Amino acid sequence: MGQDDFQREKALYMHVHLNEIADAAVEADTMAALKKEYNLIGAIS
């Protein structure tokens, strides 16, 4: 495996990893927003 192959593999891995982190962050934001909304509804009713 040459140096170029290694760099390409590394870049691909980082790209996938960053996408997973971004997805997790969006999921966490969504959950936090839903929870906040749910708490507001609970407070009103």
PDB file of N, CA and C in Angstrom:
ATOM      1  N   MET A   1       0.842  -1.193   0.000  1.00  0.00           N
ATOM      2  CA  MET A   1       0.000   0.000   0.000  1.00  0.00           C
ATOM      3  C   MET A   1       0.882   1.248   0.000  1.00  0.00           C
ATOM      4  N   GLY A   2       0.703   2.094  -0.979  1.00  0.00           N
ATOM      5  CA  GLY A   2       1.536   3.292  -1.079  1.00  0.00           C
ATOM      6  C   GLY A   2       1.048   4.400  -0.158  1.00  0.00           C
ATOM      7  N   GLN A   3       1.814   5.465  -0.095  1.00  0.00           N
ATOM      8  CA  GLN A   3       1.488   6.615   0.758  1.00  0.00           C
ATOM      9  C   GLN A   3       0.174   7.260   0.312  1.00  0.00           C
ATOM     10  N   ASP A   4      -0.038   7.330  -1.009  1.00  0.00           N
ATOM     11  CA  ASP A   4      -1.272   7.928  -1.533  1.00  0.00           C
ATOM     12  C   ASP A   4      -2.502   7.153  -1.080  1.00  0.00           C
ATOM     13  N   ASP A   5      -2.398   5.823  -1.148  1.00  0.00           N
ATOM     14  CA  ASP A   5      -3.505   4.976  -0.712  1.00  0.00           C
ATOM     15  C   ASP A   5      -3.819   5.221   0.759  1.00  0.00           C
ATOM     16  N   PHE A   6      -2.772   5.325   1.550  1.00  0.00           N
ATOM     17  CA  PHE A   6      -2.929   5.549   2.976  1.00  0.00           C
ATOM     18  C   PHE A   6      -3.646   6.879   3.229  1.00  0.00           C
ATOM     19  N   GLN A   7      -3.198   7.921   2.536  1.00  0.00           N
ATOM     20  CA  GLN A   7      -3.815   9.237   2.700  1.00  0.00           C
ATOM     21  C   GLN A   7      -5.292   9.211   2.291  1.00  0.00           C
ATOM     22  N   ARG A   8      -5.574   8.489   1.210  1.00  0.00           N
ATOM     23  CA  ARG A   8      -6.949   8.403   0.719  1.00  0.00           C
ATOM     24  C   ARG A   8      -7.837   7.681   1.741  1.00  0.00           C
ATOM     25  N   GLU A   9      -7.313   6.577   2.274  1.00  0.00           N
ATOM     26  CA  GLU A   9      -8.053   5.821   3.299  1.00  0.00           C
ATOM     27  C   GLU A   9      -8.325   6.694   4.522  1.00  0.00           C
ATOM     28  N   LYS A  10      -7.309   7.419   4.927  1.00  0.00           N
ATOM     29  CA  LYS A  10      -7.421   8.277   6.099  1.00  0.00           C
ATOM     30  C   LYS A  10      -8.468   9.372   5.863  1.00  0.00           C
ATOM     31  N   ALA A  11      -8.424   9.970   4.682  1.00  0.00           N
ATOM     32  CA  ALA A  11      -9.375  11.030   4.355  1.00  0.00           C
ATOM     33  C   ALA A  11     -10.802  10.489   4.337  1.00  0.00           C
ATOM     34  N   LEU A  12     -10.970   9.308   3.777  1.00  0.00           N
ATOM     35  CA  LEU A  12     -12.291   8.686   3.703  1.00  0.00           C
ATOM     36  C   LEU A  12     -12.805   8.389   5.106  1.00  0.00           C
ATOM     37  N   TYR A  13     -11.936   7.834   5.946  1.00  0.00           N
ATOM     38  CA  TYR A  13     -12.309   7.516   7.321  1.00  0.00           C
ATOM     39  C   TYR A  13     -12.732   8.781   8.066  1.00  0.00           C
ATOM     40  N   MET A  14     -11.941   9.835   7.936  1.00  0.00           N
ATOM     41  CA  MET A  14     -12.252  11.092   8.617  1.00  0.00           C
ATOM     42  C   MET A  14     -13.580  11.651   8.140  1.00  0.00           C
ATOM     43  N   HIS A  15     -13.819  11.557   6.832  1.00  0.00           N
ATOM     44  CA  HIS A  15     -15.056  12.072   6.251  1.00  0.00           C
ATOM     45  C   HIS A  15     -16.268  11.350   6.839  1.00  0.00           C
ATOM     46  N   VAL A  16     -16.198  10.024   6.882  1.00  0.00           N
ATOM     47  CA  VAL A  16     -17.288   9.217   7.435  1.00  0.00           C
ATOM     48  C   VAL A  16     -17.466   9.534   8.914  1.00  0.00           C
ATOM     49  N   HIS A  17     -16.353   9.622   9.629  1.00  0.00           N
ATOM     50  CA  HIS A  17     -16.381   9.884  11.058  1.00  0.00           C
ATOM     51  C   HIS A  17     -17.016  11.243  11.353  1.00  0.00           C
ATOM     52  N   LEU A  18     -16.637  12.260  10.576  1.00  0.00           N
ATOM     53  CA  LEU A  18     -17.196  13.600  10.772  1.00  0.00           C
ATOM     54  C   LEU A  18     -18.690  13.609  10.483  1.00  0.00           C
ATOM     55  N   ASN A  19     -19.114  12.859   9.462  1.00  0.00           N
ATOM     56  CA  ASN A  19     -20.540  12.767   9.166  1.00  0.00           C
ATOM     57  C   ASN A  19     -21.302  12.129  10.320  1.00  0.00           C
ATOM     58  N   GLU A  20     -20.718  11.105  10.928  1.00  0.00           N
ATOM     59  CA  GLU A  20     -21.350  10.447  12.068  1.00  0.00           C
ATOM     60  C   GLU A  20     -21.477  11.401  13.243  1.00  0.00           C
ATOM     61  N   ILE A  21     -20.431  12.190  13.479  1.00  0.00           N
ATOM     62  CA  ILE A  21     -20.449  13.165  14.563  1.00  0.00           C
ATOM     63  C   ILE A  21     -21.533  14.216  14.294  1.00  0.00           C
ATOM     64  N   ALA A  22     -21.607  14.681  13.050  1.00  0.00           N
ATOM     65  CA  ALA A  22     -22.611  15.679  12.681  1.00  0.00           C
ATOM     66  C   ALA A  22     -24.018  15.126  12.862  1.00  0.00           C
ATOM     67  N   ASP A  23     -24.237  13.876  12.426  1.00  0.00           N
ATOM     68  CA  ASP A  23     -25.544  13.234  12.592  1.00  0.00           C
ATOM     69  C   ASP A  23     -25.919  13.141  14.065  1.00  0.00           C
ATOM     70  N   ALA A  24     -24.972  12.763  14.891  1.00  0.00           N
ATOM     71  CA  ALA A  24     -25.215  12.625  16.322  1.00  0.00           C
ATOM     72  C   ALA A  24     -25.567  13.980  16.935  1.00  0.00           C
ATOM     73  N   ALA A  25     -24.887  15.029  16.477  1.00  0.00           N
ATOM     74  CA  ALA A  25     -25.155  16.370  16.992  1.00  0.00           C
ATOM     75  C   ALA A  25     -26.561  16.830  16.616  1.00  0.00           C
ATOM     76  N   VAL A  26     -26.946  16.568  15.376  1.00  0.00           N
ATOM     77  CA  VAL A  26     -28.298  16.937  14.916  1.00  0.00           C
ATOM     78  C   VAL A  26     -29.337  16.166  15.726  1.00  0.00           C
ATOM     79  N   GLU A  27     -29.077  14.883  15.939  1.00  0.00           N
ATOM     80  CA  GLU A  27     -29.986  14.037  16.708  1.00  0.00           C
ATOM     81  C   GLU A  27     -30.136  14.573  18.136  1.00  0.00           C
ATOM     82  N   ALA A  28     -29.022  14.951  18.745  1.00  0.00           N
ATOM     83  CA  ALA A  28     -29.046  15.479  20.108  1.00  0.00           C
ATOM     84  C   ALA A  28     -29.820  16.790  20.159  1.00  0.00           C
ATOM     85  N   ASP A  29     -29.609  17.665  19.177  1.00  0.00           N
ATOM     86  CA  ASP A  29     -30.340  18.931  19.097  1.00  0.00           C
ATOM     87  C   ASP A  29     -31.827  18.679  18.960  1.00  0.00           C
ATOM     88  N   THR A  30     -32.172  17.737  18.096  1.00  0.00           N
ATOM     89  CA  THR A  30     -33.573  17.403  17.859  1.00  0.00           C
ATOM     90  C   THR A  30     -34.217  16.880  19.137  1.00  0.00           C
ATOM     91  N   MET A  31     -33.520  15.994  19.826  1.00  0.00           N
ATOM     92  CA  MET A  31     -34.045  15.441  21.069  1.00  0.00           C
ATOM     93  C   MET A  31     -34.228  16.535  22.116  1.00  0.00           C
ATOM     94  N   ALA A  32     -33.260  17.430  22.206  1.00  0.00           N
ATOM     95  CA  ALA A  32     -33.336  18.524  23.178  1.00  0.00           C
ATOM     96  C   ALA A  32     -34.523  19.433  22.846  1.00  0.00           C
ATOM     97  N   ALA A  33     -34.712  19.715  21.571  1.00  0.00           N
ATOM     98  CA  ALA A  33     -35.818  20.567  21.144  1.00  0.00           C
ATOM     99  C   ALA A  33     -37.168  19.911  21.439  1.00  0.00           C
ATOM    100  N   LEU A  34     -37.266  18.617  21.143  1.00  0.00           N
ATOM    101  CA  LEU A  34     -38.507  17.891  21.405  1.00  0.00           C
ATOM    102  C   LEU A  34     -38.807  17.853  22.906  1.00  0.00           C
ATOM    103  N   LYS A  35     -37.775  17.642  23.689  1.00  0.00           N
ATOM    104  CA  LYS A  35     -37.936  17.575  25.139  1.00  0.00           C
ATOM    105  C   LYS A  35     -38.422  18.927  25.676  1.00  0.00           C
ATOM    106  N   LYS A  36     -37.831  20.001  25.170  1.00  0.00           N
ATOM    107  CA  LYS A  36     -38.210  21.349  25.585  1.00  0.00           C
ATOM    108  C   LYS A  36     -39.679  21.601  25.231  1.00  0.00           C
ATOM    109  N   GLU A  37     -40.042  21.230  24.012  1.00  0.00           N
ATOM    110  CA  GLU A  37     -41.406  21.403  23.541  1.00  0.00           C
ATOM    111  C   GLU A  37     -42.374  20.600  24.412  1.00  0.00           C
ATOM    112  N   TYR A  38     -41.981  19.379  24.704  1.00  0.00           N
ATOM    113  CA  TYR A  38     -42.801  18.487  25.527  1.00  0.00           C
ATOM    114  C   TYR A  38     -42.992  19.079  26.920  1.00  0.00           C
ATOM    115  N   ASN A  39     -41.925  19.644  27.473  1.00  0.00           N
ATOM    116  CA  ASN A  39     -42.003  20.269  28.801  1.00  0.00           C
ATOM    117  C   ASN A  39     -42.916  21.492  28.780  1.00  0.00           C
ATOM    118  N   LEU A  40     -42.857  22.262  27.696  1.00  0.00           N
ATOM    119  CA  LEU A  40     -43.725  23.430  27.575  1.00  0.00           C
ATOM    120  C   LEU A  40     -45.185  23.012  27.526  1.00  0.00           C
ATOM    121  N   ILE A  41     -45.464  21.976  26.735  1.00  0.00           N
ATOM    122  CA  ILE A  41     -46.832  21.468  26.625  1.00  0.00           C
ATOM    123  C   ILE A  41     -47.299  20.970  27.990  1.00  0.00           C
ATOM    124  N   GLY A  42     -46.412  20.279  28.691  1.00  0.00           N
ATOM    125  CA  GLY A  42     -46.735  19.773  30.019  1.00  0.00           C
ATOM    126  C   GLY A  42     -47.026  20.894  31.002  1.00  0.00           C
ATOM    127  N   ALA A  43     -46.297  22.006  30.871  1.00  0.00           N
ATOM    128  CA  ALA A  43     -46.480  23.140  31.774  1.00  0.00           C
ATOM    129  C   ALA A  43     -47.803  23.856  31.502  1.00  0.00           C
ATOM    130  N   ILE A  44     -48.202  23.901  30.237  1.00  0.00           N
ATOM    131  CA  ILE A  44     -49.432  24.603  29.850  1.00  0.00           C
ATOM    132  C   ILE A  44     -50.666  23.814  30.288  1.00  0.00           C
ATOM    133  N   SER A  45     -50.665  22.500  29.988  1.00  0.00           N
ATOM    134  CA  SER A  45     -51.857  21.698  30.280  1.00  0.00           C
ATOM    135  C   SER A  45     -51.941  21.287  31.745  1.00  0.00           C
TER     136      SER A  45
END
